């Protein structure tokens, strides 16, 4: 099991919430919740945000690994473990590795990540969730599918959007890319 699904199970047990109640509260089906908590893969951000809301916790609760109340500093030479979110609940279609820049900060409302995008995606596996996202391209070129639009961004470009609109971020031309991504999801 991964740390995210273990924390979901722990929170459900602590709050005495069944799979059926979690599904109802999150707007997911019981089958989807069972896939998430029984999987070795971490699901995409959209269902995690819904689960966090149903459990009454921040999205970052699933990634927290300490109780630091003060500022969190990440040094360039520090290595952090990546988290790979799958693109779909039912498929192993991961194409991004997320390196949290604030995993040790409790009480946060934003989730800053360095994201390595491994390969191009066909744009069919979009997601949507409440909140906002800011992306800044550090290396390479990305394509952002946003609703019916498609935006190509190069190194130094950025985009800020409402994440309730169906969206997908992918590398352009099958080449890897690296971005700074900041996700805000209201509690």
N, C-alpha and C. Protein backbone atom coordinates (compact mmCIF):
# COMPACT_ATOMS: atom_id res chain seq x y z
N UNK A 1 0.84 -1.20 0.00
CA UNK A 1 0.00 0.00 0.00
C UNK A 1 0.88 1.25 0.00
N UNK A 2 0.32 2.32 -0.48
CA UNK A 2 1.05 3.59 -0.47
C UNK A 2 0.62 4.42 0.72
N UNK A 3 1.40 5.43 1.04
CA UNK A 3 1.15 6.25 2.22
C UNK A 3 -0.19 6.98 2.12
N UNK A 4 -0.60 7.38 0.93
CA UNK A 4 -1.86 8.11 0.76
C UNK A 4 -3.04 7.22 1.12
N UNK A 5 -3.10 6.02 0.56
CA UNK A 5 -4.23 5.14 0.84
C UNK A 5 -4.23 4.69 2.30
N UNK A 6 -3.04 4.53 2.89
CA UNK A 6 -2.98 4.19 4.31
C UNK A 6 -3.57 5.31 5.16
N UNK A 7 -3.27 6.56 4.80
CA UNK A 7 -3.82 7.69 5.57
C UNK A 7 -5.34 7.78 5.38
N UNK A 8 -5.83 7.49 4.18
CA UNK A 8 -7.28 7.50 3.96
C UNK A 8 -7.93 6.45 4.86
N UNK A 9 -7.37 5.25 4.88
CA UNK A 9 -7.92 4.18 5.72
C UNK A 9 -7.88 4.56 7.19
N UNK A 10 -6.76 5.16 7.63
CA UNK A 10 -6.61 5.56 9.02
C UNK A 10 -7.65 6.63 9.39
N UNK A 11 -7.82 7.61 8.52
CA UNK A 11 -8.80 8.66 8.79
C UNK A 11 -10.22 8.11 8.83
N UNK A 12 -10.53 7.19 7.92
CA UNK A 12 -11.86 6.55 7.93
C UNK A 12 -12.08 5.80 9.24
N UNK A 13 -11.06 5.06 9.68
CA UNK A 13 -11.17 4.32 10.94
C UNK A 13 -11.33 5.27 12.12
N UNK A 14 -10.52 6.33 12.16
CA UNK A 14 -10.58 7.30 13.26
C UNK A 14 -11.94 7.98 13.33
N UNK A 15 -12.54 8.23 12.17
CA UNK A 15 -13.83 8.95 12.11
C UNK A 15 -15.01 7.98 12.00
N UNK A 16 -14.71 6.68 12.02
CA UNK A 16 -15.74 5.64 11.92
C UNK A 16 -16.60 5.84 10.67
N UNK A 17 -15.93 6.03 9.54
CA UNK A 17 -16.60 6.25 8.25
C UNK A 17 -16.41 5.01 7.39
N UNK A 18 -17.50 4.44 6.90
CA UNK A 18 -17.44 3.25 6.05
C UNK A 18 -17.10 3.66 4.61
N UNK A 19 -16.77 2.67 3.80
CA UNK A 19 -16.49 2.91 2.38
C UNK A 19 -17.72 3.53 1.72
N UNK A 20 -18.89 3.02 2.07
CA UNK A 20 -20.13 3.54 1.48
C UNK A 20 -20.36 5.00 1.87
N UNK A 21 -20.09 5.33 3.13
CA UNK A 21 -20.26 6.72 3.58
C UNK A 21 -19.23 7.64 2.93
N UNK A 22 -18.00 7.14 2.76
CA UNK A 22 -16.97 7.93 2.09
C UNK A 22 -17.35 8.17 0.63
N UNK A 23 -17.87 7.15 -0.01
CA UNK A 23 -18.30 7.29 -1.41
C UNK A 23 -19.42 8.33 -1.51
N UNK A 24 -20.40 8.22 -0.65
CA UNK A 24 -21.53 9.17 -0.68
C UNK A 24 -21.06 10.59 -0.41
N UNK A 25 -20.21 10.77 0.59
CA UNK A 25 -19.73 12.10 0.95
C UNK A 25 -18.83 12.73 -0.09
N UNK A 26 -18.13 11.89 -0.86
CA UNK A 26 -17.18 12.40 -1.85
C UNK A 26 -17.78 12.53 -3.25
N UNK A 27 -18.95 11.92 -3.45
CA UNK A 27 -19.54 11.95 -4.79
C UNK A 27 -18.93 10.91 -5.71
N UNK A 28 -18.15 10.00 -5.16
CA UNK A 28 -17.57 8.90 -5.94
C UNK A 28 -18.44 7.66 -5.74
N UNK A 29 -18.27 6.67 -6.57
CA UNK A 29 -19.00 5.42 -6.38
C UNK A 29 -18.25 4.56 -5.37
N UNK A 30 -18.94 3.62 -4.79
CA UNK A 30 -18.31 2.68 -3.86
C UNK A 30 -17.19 1.93 -4.56
N UNK A 31 -17.40 1.57 -5.83
CA UNK A 31 -16.37 0.87 -6.59
C UNK A 31 -15.12 1.73 -6.75
N UNK A 32 -15.31 3.02 -7.03
CA UNK A 32 -14.16 3.91 -7.17
C UNK A 32 -13.38 4.02 -5.86
N UNK A 33 -14.10 4.18 -4.75
CA UNK A 33 -13.43 4.28 -3.45
C UNK A 33 -12.67 2.98 -3.14
N UNK A 34 -13.30 1.83 -3.42
CA UNK A 34 -12.61 0.56 -3.20
C UNK A 34 -11.36 0.45 -4.06
N UNK A 35 -11.43 0.91 -5.31
CA UNK A 35 -10.24 0.90 -6.18
C UNK A 35 -9.13 1.76 -5.59
N UNK A 36 -9.51 2.92 -5.07
CA UNK A 36 -8.52 3.84 -4.51
C UNK A 36 -7.86 3.24 -3.28
N UNK A 37 -8.65 2.77 -2.33
CA UNK A 37 -8.05 2.29 -1.08
C UNK A 37 -7.41 0.92 -1.21
N UNK A 38 -7.69 0.21 -2.29
CA UNK A 38 -7.09 -1.09 -2.48
C UNK A 38 -5.95 -1.09 -3.47
N UNK A 39 -5.59 0.07 -3.98
CA UNK A 39 -4.60 0.15 -5.05
C UNK A 39 -3.21 0.46 -4.51
N UNK A 40 -2.22 0.02 -5.25
CA UNK A 40 -0.84 0.37 -4.98
C UNK A 40 -0.53 1.76 -5.53
N UNK A 41 -1.34 2.21 -6.48
CA UNK A 41 -1.14 3.51 -7.13
C UNK A 41 -1.91 4.59 -6.39
N UNK A 42 -1.41 5.80 -6.48
CA UNK A 42 -2.10 6.94 -5.91
C UNK A 42 -3.02 7.50 -6.99
N UNK A 43 -4.30 7.73 -6.67
CA UNK A 43 -5.21 8.24 -7.69
C UNK A 43 -4.89 9.68 -8.08
N UNK A 44 -5.58 10.17 -9.08
CA UNK A 44 -5.36 11.54 -9.52
C UNK A 44 -5.82 12.52 -8.44
N UNK A 45 -5.46 13.78 -8.61
CA UNK A 45 -5.80 14.79 -7.61
C UNK A 45 -7.30 14.99 -7.46
N UNK A 46 -8.07 14.89 -8.54
CA UNK A 46 -9.51 15.17 -8.47
C UNK A 46 -10.22 14.30 -7.44
N UNK A 47 -10.11 12.96 -7.48
CA UNK A 47 -10.79 12.18 -6.46
C UNK A 47 -10.18 12.36 -5.07
N UNK A 48 -8.88 12.62 -4.99
CA UNK A 48 -8.27 12.86 -3.68
C UNK A 48 -8.83 14.11 -3.03
N UNK A 49 -9.06 15.14 -3.82
CA UNK A 49 -9.64 16.37 -3.28
C UNK A 49 -11.05 16.10 -2.77
N UNK A 50 -11.83 15.31 -3.51
CA UNK A 50 -13.19 14.96 -3.08
C UNK A 50 -13.17 14.14 -1.80
N UNK A 51 -12.22 13.21 -1.70
CA UNK A 51 -12.10 12.38 -0.49
C UNK A 51 -11.67 13.25 0.70
N UNK A 52 -10.72 14.15 0.47
CA UNK A 52 -10.27 15.04 1.54
C UNK A 52 -11.44 15.86 2.07
N UNK A 53 -12.25 16.40 1.17
CA UNK A 53 -13.40 17.19 1.59
C UNK A 53 -14.39 16.33 2.39
N UNK A 54 -14.64 15.10 1.92
CA UNK A 54 -15.58 14.20 2.62
C UNK A 54 -15.07 13.84 4.02
N UNK A 55 -13.74 13.75 4.16
CA UNK A 55 -13.16 13.43 5.46
C UNK A 55 -12.94 14.67 6.33
N UNK A 56 -13.15 15.86 5.75
CA UNK A 56 -12.98 17.09 6.50
C UNK A 56 -11.53 17.44 6.77
N UNK A 57 -10.64 17.07 5.82
CA UNK A 57 -9.21 17.38 5.97
C UNK A 57 -8.70 18.09 4.72
N UNK A 58 -7.53 18.68 4.84
CA UNK A 58 -6.87 19.30 3.69
C UNK A 58 -6.31 18.21 2.80
N UNK A 59 -6.16 18.49 1.52
CA UNK A 59 -5.51 17.57 0.60
C UNK A 59 -4.12 17.21 1.10
N UNK A 60 -3.41 18.17 1.63
CA UNK A 60 -2.05 17.96 2.11
C UNK A 60 -1.95 16.97 3.25
N UNK A 61 -3.05 16.70 3.94
CA UNK A 61 -3.04 15.71 5.03
C UNK A 61 -2.54 14.37 4.53
N UNK A 62 -2.84 14.03 3.28
CA UNK A 62 -2.42 12.75 2.73
C UNK A 62 -0.92 12.70 2.45
N UNK A 63 -0.28 13.86 2.39
CA UNK A 63 1.15 13.92 2.07
C UNK A 63 2.01 14.35 3.25
N UNK A 64 1.38 14.83 4.33
CA UNK A 64 2.12 15.31 5.49
C UNK A 64 2.95 14.20 6.10
N UNK A 65 4.18 14.54 6.49
CA UNK A 65 5.00 13.54 7.17
C UNK A 65 5.62 14.07 8.45
N UNK A 66 5.21 15.27 8.90
CA UNK A 66 5.68 15.77 10.19
C UNK A 66 4.73 16.85 10.67
N UNK A 67 5.06 17.43 11.80
CA UNK A 67 4.19 18.43 12.41
C UNK A 67 4.86 19.79 12.50
N UNK A 68 5.71 20.16 11.55
CA UNK A 68 6.37 21.46 11.58
C UNK A 68 5.35 22.58 11.51
N UNK A 69 5.43 23.50 12.45
CA UNK A 69 4.52 24.64 12.46
C UNK A 69 5.15 25.85 11.80
N UNK A 70 6.44 25.94 11.82
CA UNK A 70 7.14 27.08 11.24
C UNK A 70 7.33 26.90 9.75
N UNK A 71 8.21 27.71 9.18
CA UNK A 71 8.45 27.61 7.74
C UNK A 71 9.15 26.30 7.39
N UNK A 72 8.94 25.88 6.16
CA UNK A 72 9.59 24.68 5.65
C UNK A 72 10.56 25.12 4.56
N UNK A 73 11.80 24.69 4.69
CA UNK A 73 12.82 25.03 3.70
C UNK A 73 13.24 23.77 2.98
N UNK A 74 13.29 23.84 1.66
CA UNK A 74 13.80 22.75 0.84
C UNK A 74 15.05 23.26 0.14
N UNK A 75 16.17 22.59 0.39
CA UNK A 75 17.42 22.96 -0.25
C UNK A 75 17.56 22.22 -1.57
N UNK A 76 18.24 22.83 -2.51
CA UNK A 76 18.42 22.25 -3.84
C UNK A 76 19.00 20.84 -3.78
N UNK A 77 19.93 20.61 -2.88
CA UNK A 77 20.59 19.31 -2.79
C UNK A 77 19.79 18.27 -2.01
N UNK A 78 18.70 18.70 -1.33
CA UNK A 78 17.87 17.74 -0.60
C UNK A 78 17.12 16.87 -1.59
N UNK A 79 17.10 15.60 -1.32
CA UNK A 79 16.33 14.71 -2.20
C UNK A 79 15.02 14.40 -1.50
N UNK A 80 13.96 14.48 -2.27
CA UNK A 80 12.65 14.13 -1.72
C UNK A 80 12.06 13.02 -2.57
N UNK A 81 11.23 12.24 -1.95
CA UNK A 81 10.59 11.13 -2.65
C UNK A 81 9.41 11.67 -3.45
N UNK A 82 9.28 11.20 -4.67
CA UNK A 82 8.18 11.66 -5.50
C UNK A 82 6.92 10.88 -5.21
N UNK A 83 5.80 11.49 -5.54
CA UNK A 83 4.50 10.85 -5.49
C UNK A 83 3.99 10.85 -6.91
N UNK A 84 3.56 9.70 -7.40
CA UNK A 84 3.03 9.60 -8.76
C UNK A 84 1.54 9.35 -8.66
N UNK A 85 0.75 10.30 -9.15
CA UNK A 85 -0.69 10.15 -9.17
C UNK A 85 -1.08 9.49 -10.47
N UNK A 86 -1.99 8.51 -10.42
CA UNK A 86 -2.46 7.91 -11.66
C UNK A 86 -3.46 8.86 -12.31
N UNK A 87 -3.58 8.77 -13.62
CA UNK A 87 -4.44 9.68 -14.36
C UNK A 87 -5.90 9.28 -14.31
N UNK A 88 -6.16 8.03 -14.04
CA UNK A 88 -7.53 7.53 -14.00
C UNK A 88 -7.69 6.63 -12.80
N UNK A 89 -8.93 6.43 -12.37
CA UNK A 89 -9.19 5.53 -11.26
C UNK A 89 -9.03 4.07 -11.66
N UNK A 90 -9.19 3.76 -12.92
CA UNK A 90 -9.22 2.37 -13.34
C UNK A 90 -8.03 1.96 -14.19
N UNK A 91 -7.13 2.87 -14.52
CA UNK A 91 -6.01 2.54 -15.39
C UNK A 91 -4.69 2.95 -14.76
N UNK A 92 -3.63 2.28 -15.13
CA UNK A 92 -2.30 2.69 -14.74
C UNK A 92 -1.77 3.56 -15.87
N UNK A 93 -2.06 4.84 -15.81
CA UNK A 93 -1.71 5.75 -16.89
C UNK A 93 -0.99 6.97 -16.33
N UNK A 94 -0.05 6.75 -15.44
CA UNK A 94 0.66 7.84 -14.79
C UNK A 94 1.66 8.46 -15.74
N UNK A 95 1.72 9.79 -15.73
CA UNK A 95 2.70 10.45 -16.57
C UNK A 95 3.39 11.62 -15.86
N UNK A 96 3.14 11.77 -14.56
CA UNK A 96 3.75 12.86 -13.82
C UNK A 96 4.23 12.38 -12.46
N UNK A 97 5.43 12.80 -12.08
CA UNK A 97 5.95 12.57 -10.74
C UNK A 97 5.93 13.89 -10.00
N UNK A 98 5.31 13.92 -8.83
CA UNK A 98 5.15 15.12 -8.03
C UNK A 98 6.14 15.08 -6.87
N UNK A 99 6.93 16.14 -6.70
CA UNK A 99 7.82 16.29 -5.57
C UNK A 99 7.28 17.44 -4.72
N UNK A 100 6.75 17.09 -3.57
CA UNK A 100 6.13 18.10 -2.71
C UNK A 100 7.19 19.06 -2.17
N UNK A 101 6.87 20.33 -2.18
CA UNK A 101 7.76 21.34 -1.62
C UNK A 101 7.30 21.79 -0.24
N UNK A 102 6.21 21.19 0.27
CA UNK A 102 5.70 21.61 1.57
C UNK A 102 5.15 20.45 2.40
N UNK A 103 5.61 19.24 2.14
CA UNK A 103 5.06 18.07 2.83
C UNK A 103 5.21 18.16 4.35
N UNK A 104 6.22 18.87 4.81
CA UNK A 104 6.43 18.97 6.25
C UNK A 104 5.68 20.14 6.89
N UNK A 105 4.97 20.92 6.10
CA UNK A 105 4.25 22.09 6.62
C UNK A 105 2.81 21.71 6.92
N UNK A 106 2.43 21.79 8.17
CA UNK A 106 1.05 21.50 8.53
C UNK A 106 0.20 22.75 8.38
N UNK A 107 -1.09 22.57 8.22
CA UNK A 107 -2.02 23.68 8.15
C UNK A 107 -1.97 24.49 6.87
N UNK A 108 -1.34 23.95 5.84
CA UNK A 108 -1.21 24.71 4.60
C UNK A 108 -2.50 24.64 3.78
N UNK A 109 -2.67 25.62 2.91
CA UNK A 109 -3.83 25.68 2.03
C UNK A 109 -3.45 25.57 0.56
N UNK A 110 -2.15 25.61 0.30
CA UNK A 110 -1.65 25.45 -1.07
C UNK A 110 -0.76 24.22 -1.09
N UNK A 111 -0.66 23.60 -2.25
CA UNK A 111 0.21 22.44 -2.44
C UNK A 111 1.21 22.76 -3.55
N UNK A 112 2.42 23.21 -3.20
CA UNK A 112 3.43 23.47 -4.22
C UNK A 112 4.21 22.20 -4.55
N UNK A 113 4.41 21.95 -5.84
CA UNK A 113 5.11 20.77 -6.31
C UNK A 113 6.10 21.14 -7.40
N UNK A 114 7.19 20.39 -7.49
CA UNK A 114 7.97 20.31 -8.71
C UNK A 114 7.44 19.05 -9.39
N UNK A 115 7.08 19.16 -10.65
CA UNK A 115 6.45 18.04 -11.35
C UNK A 115 7.27 17.69 -12.58
N UNK A 116 7.72 16.44 -12.63
CA UNK A 116 8.39 15.92 -13.82
C UNK A 116 7.34 15.24 -14.67
N UNK A 117 7.19 15.71 -15.89
CA UNK A 117 6.22 15.14 -16.82
C UNK A 117 6.99 14.20 -17.73
N UNK A 118 6.62 12.92 -17.69
CA UNK A 118 7.41 11.88 -18.34
C UNK A 118 7.14 11.73 -19.83
N UNK A 119 5.91 11.82 -20.26
CA UNK A 119 5.60 11.52 -21.65
C UNK A 119 4.34 12.27 -22.07
N UNK A 120 4.15 12.37 -23.36
CA UNK A 120 2.96 13.02 -23.88
C UNK A 120 1.73 12.20 -23.54
N UNK A 121 0.59 12.85 -23.45
CA UNK A 121 -0.68 12.20 -23.19
C UNK A 121 -1.63 12.63 -24.29
N UNK A 122 -2.61 11.81 -24.58
CA UNK A 122 -3.50 12.11 -25.70
C UNK A 122 -4.59 13.13 -25.39
N UNK A 123 -4.67 13.60 -24.17
CA UNK A 123 -5.66 14.61 -23.82
C UNK A 123 -7.02 14.06 -23.49
N UNK A 124 -7.17 12.74 -23.47
CA UNK A 124 -8.48 12.15 -23.20
C UNK A 124 -8.74 11.97 -21.70
N UNK A 125 -7.71 11.97 -20.89
CA UNK A 125 -7.86 11.68 -19.47
C UNK A 125 -7.86 12.95 -18.63
N UNK A 126 -8.74 13.87 -18.95
CA UNK A 126 -8.80 15.13 -18.21
C UNK A 126 -9.40 14.89 -16.83
N UNK A 127 -9.18 15.85 -15.95
CA UNK A 127 -9.79 15.80 -14.62
C UNK A 127 -10.31 17.18 -14.29
N UNK A 128 -11.14 17.24 -13.27
CA UNK A 128 -11.61 18.52 -12.76
C UNK A 128 -11.84 18.38 -11.26
N UNK A 129 -11.66 19.47 -10.56
CA UNK A 129 -11.87 19.51 -9.11
C UNK A 129 -11.98 20.96 -8.71
N UNK A 130 -12.53 21.20 -7.54
CA UNK A 130 -12.63 22.58 -7.07
C UNK A 130 -11.24 23.13 -6.81
N UNK A 131 -11.09 24.41 -7.00
CA UNK A 131 -9.84 25.05 -6.69
C UNK A 131 -9.21 25.75 -7.88
N UNK A 132 -7.94 26.03 -7.73
CA UNK A 132 -7.17 26.74 -8.74
C UNK A 132 -5.79 26.11 -8.86
N UNK A 133 -5.17 26.29 -10.03
CA UNK A 133 -3.82 25.79 -10.24
C UNK A 133 -2.98 26.84 -10.94
N UNK A 134 -1.73 26.89 -10.55
CA UNK A 134 -0.75 27.75 -11.20
C UNK A 134 0.40 26.86 -11.64
N UNK A 135 0.78 26.96 -12.92
CA UNK A 135 1.88 26.17 -13.46
C UNK A 135 2.91 27.09 -14.09
N UNK A 136 4.18 26.83 -13.82
CA UNK A 136 5.29 27.58 -14.39
C UNK A 136 6.25 26.57 -15.00
N UNK A 137 6.56 26.72 -16.28
CA UNK A 137 7.42 25.76 -16.97
C UNK A 137 8.88 26.06 -16.66
N UNK A 138 9.55 25.09 -16.05
CA UNK A 138 10.97 25.22 -15.71
C UNK A 138 11.86 24.69 -16.83
N UNK A 139 11.45 23.58 -17.43
CA UNK A 139 12.23 22.96 -18.52
C UNK A 139 11.27 22.33 -19.52
N UNK A 140 11.62 22.42 -20.78
CA UNK A 140 10.84 21.75 -21.82
C UNK A 140 9.61 22.54 -22.25
N UNK A 141 8.68 21.83 -22.86
CA UNK A 141 7.44 22.42 -23.36
C UNK A 141 6.29 21.53 -22.93
N UNK A 142 5.21 22.17 -22.47
CA UNK A 142 4.02 21.41 -22.07
C UNK A 142 2.82 21.85 -22.89
N UNK A 143 1.82 21.01 -22.89
CA UNK A 143 0.53 21.33 -23.48
C UNK A 143 -0.50 21.23 -22.37
N UNK A 144 -1.32 22.26 -22.23
CA UNK A 144 -2.39 22.25 -21.24
C UNK A 144 -3.70 22.19 -22.00
N UNK A 145 -4.42 21.10 -21.82
CA UNK A 145 -5.77 20.95 -22.37
C UNK A 145 -6.69 21.54 -21.31
N UNK A 146 -7.44 22.57 -21.66
CA UNK A 146 -8.30 23.27 -20.70
C UNK A 146 -9.66 23.49 -21.35
N UNK A 147 -10.64 22.72 -20.92
CA UNK A 147 -11.93 22.77 -21.59
C UNK A 147 -11.73 22.36 -23.03
N UNK A 148 -12.25 23.16 -23.95
CA UNK A 148 -12.10 22.87 -25.39
C UNK A 148 -10.82 23.47 -25.96
N UNK A 149 -10.07 24.20 -25.15
CA UNK A 149 -8.87 24.89 -25.63
C UNK A 149 -7.61 24.05 -25.35
N UNK A 150 -6.57 24.39 -26.07
CA UNK A 150 -5.27 23.73 -25.90
C UNK A 150 -4.19 24.81 -25.94
N UNK A 151 -3.35 24.86 -24.91
CA UNK A 151 -2.32 25.88 -24.81
C UNK A 151 -0.95 25.21 -24.74
N UNK A 152 -0.01 25.72 -25.54
CA UNK A 152 1.36 25.23 -25.49
C UNK A 152 2.19 26.26 -24.74
N UNK A 153 2.94 25.79 -23.74
CA UNK A 153 3.76 26.68 -22.93
C UNK A 153 5.21 26.20 -22.96
N UNK A 154 6.12 27.14 -23.10
CA UNK A 154 7.55 26.87 -23.16
C UNK A 154 8.21 27.31 -21.85
N UNK A 155 9.49 26.98 -21.73
CA UNK A 155 10.26 27.36 -20.56
C UNK A 155 10.06 28.85 -20.27
N UNK A 156 9.72 29.17 -19.01
CA UNK A 156 9.50 30.55 -18.59
C UNK A 156 8.05 30.99 -18.70
N UNK A 157 7.19 30.23 -19.39
CA UNK A 157 5.77 30.56 -19.51
C UNK A 157 5.03 30.03 -18.29
N UNK A 158 3.85 30.62 -18.03
CA UNK A 158 3.02 30.14 -16.93
C UNK A 158 1.56 30.23 -17.30
N UNK A 159 0.74 29.53 -16.53
CA UNK A 159 -0.71 29.55 -16.71
C UNK A 159 -1.34 29.43 -15.33
N UNK A 160 -2.45 30.14 -15.15
CA UNK A 160 -3.21 30.11 -13.90
C UNK A 160 -4.65 29.85 -14.31
N UNK A 161 -5.28 28.81 -13.75
CA UNK A 161 -6.64 28.48 -14.18
C UNK A 161 -7.48 27.92 -13.04
N UNK A 162 -8.80 27.98 -13.26
CA UNK A 162 -9.76 27.37 -12.35
C UNK A 162 -9.79 25.88 -12.66
N UNK A 163 -9.53 25.05 -11.67
CA UNK A 163 -9.43 23.62 -11.93
C UNK A 163 -10.76 22.90 -11.97
N UNK A 164 -11.86 23.61 -11.82
CA UNK A 164 -13.18 23.01 -11.97
C UNK A 164 -13.46 22.67 -13.44
N UNK A 165 -12.75 23.37 -14.34
CA UNK A 165 -12.86 23.09 -15.78
C UNK A 165 -12.01 21.87 -16.09
N UNK A 166 -12.51 20.96 -16.93
CA UNK A 166 -11.73 19.77 -17.31
C UNK A 166 -10.38 20.21 -17.85
N UNK A 167 -9.32 19.57 -17.34
CA UNK A 167 -7.97 19.95 -17.75
C UNK A 167 -7.03 18.75 -17.70
N UNK A 168 -5.95 18.89 -18.44
CA UNK A 168 -4.88 17.90 -18.46
C UNK A 168 -3.59 18.60 -18.83
N UNK A 169 -2.53 18.26 -18.13
CA UNK A 169 -1.22 18.79 -18.42
C UNK A 169 -0.37 17.65 -18.96
N UNK A 170 0.30 17.88 -20.08
CA UNK A 170 1.13 16.85 -20.71
C UNK A 170 2.36 17.50 -21.31
N UNK A 171 3.37 16.68 -21.55
CA UNK A 171 4.55 17.19 -22.24
C UNK A 171 4.22 17.32 -23.73
N UNK A 172 4.95 18.18 -24.40
CA UNK A 172 4.74 18.38 -25.84
C UNK A 172 5.75 17.53 -26.59
N UNK A 173 5.35 17.03 -27.71
CA UNK A 173 6.24 16.30 -28.62
C UNK A 173 6.89 15.07 -28.00
N UNK A 174 6.30 14.50 -26.96
CA UNK A 174 6.85 13.29 -26.35
C UNK A 174 8.13 13.49 -25.58
N UNK A 175 8.53 14.74 -25.36
CA UNK A 175 9.76 15.03 -24.62
C UNK A 175 9.42 15.35 -23.16
N UNK A 176 10.27 14.95 -22.23
CA UNK A 176 10.00 15.25 -20.82
C UNK A 176 10.02 16.75 -20.56
N UNK A 177 9.35 17.14 -19.50
CA UNK A 177 9.31 18.54 -19.09
C UNK A 177 9.31 18.60 -17.57
N UNK A 178 9.63 19.77 -17.03
CA UNK A 178 9.61 19.98 -15.59
C UNK A 178 8.87 21.30 -15.33
N UNK A 179 7.94 21.26 -14.36
CA UNK A 179 7.17 22.46 -14.04
C UNK A 179 7.09 22.65 -12.53
N UNK A 180 6.84 23.88 -12.15
CA UNK A 180 6.45 24.21 -10.78
C UNK A 180 4.94 24.30 -10.82
N UNK A 181 4.27 23.54 -9.99
CA UNK A 181 2.82 23.57 -9.94
C UNK A 181 2.36 23.88 -8.55
N UNK A 182 1.39 24.76 -8.42
CA UNK A 182 0.80 25.09 -7.13
C UNK A 182 -0.69 24.85 -7.24
N UNK A 183 -1.19 23.97 -6.37
CA UNK A 183 -2.60 23.61 -6.39
C UNK A 183 -3.24 24.18 -5.12
N UNK A 184 -4.34 24.88 -5.30
CA UNK A 184 -5.14 25.36 -4.18
C UNK A 184 -6.50 24.69 -4.27
N UNK A 185 -6.92 24.07 -3.19
CA UNK A 185 -8.27 23.52 -3.16
C UNK A 185 -8.92 23.97 -1.87
N UNK A 186 -10.09 24.61 -1.96
CA UNK A 186 -10.76 25.09 -0.76
C UNK A 186 -11.18 23.92 0.12
N UNK A 187 -11.16 24.12 1.38
CA UNK A 187 -11.51 23.08 2.34
C UNK A 187 -12.99 22.87 2.37
